[in-house]
Amino acid sequence: MTTQTNTTAPATNAKGFVEFEHRQWDWNGDRNTWARYDANTRKLTVQLAGKGNISPDFEAEFRAFCESYGIALRWHGDKQSITLPLSLEEIDRAYFSGIGILEDE
């Protein structure tokens, strides 16, 4: 198991899916391999396709993305979720809002 090093929320599209540079939509494995981030819960879920071939460049990009968050996918069909910790800025904001120093926006 790798250690989670990246705690930054990934960039996503409007539906919360991470967009990868090397995905080839004509490969079945590429279409069914995804990462989704829920900003409300800070939950990052990744799924490695259970069927179909994954293009080599996309698989390398996807695995590197997962490893940057401490996720080690072991087999096709593997699905894992993690919850990203709050950033220091978010912790400070929550603390100071809670003791009445910051006004709610």
Foldseek 3Di string as FASTA:
>chain_A
DADFDDQDQADDDPQFWHDDDPQDVVWPQSVQWTWGADPVQQKIKTAGAQDTDGDPVVVVRVQVVCVNRPHHDDHHGDMDMDHRDDDPVVVVVVVCVVVPNDDDD
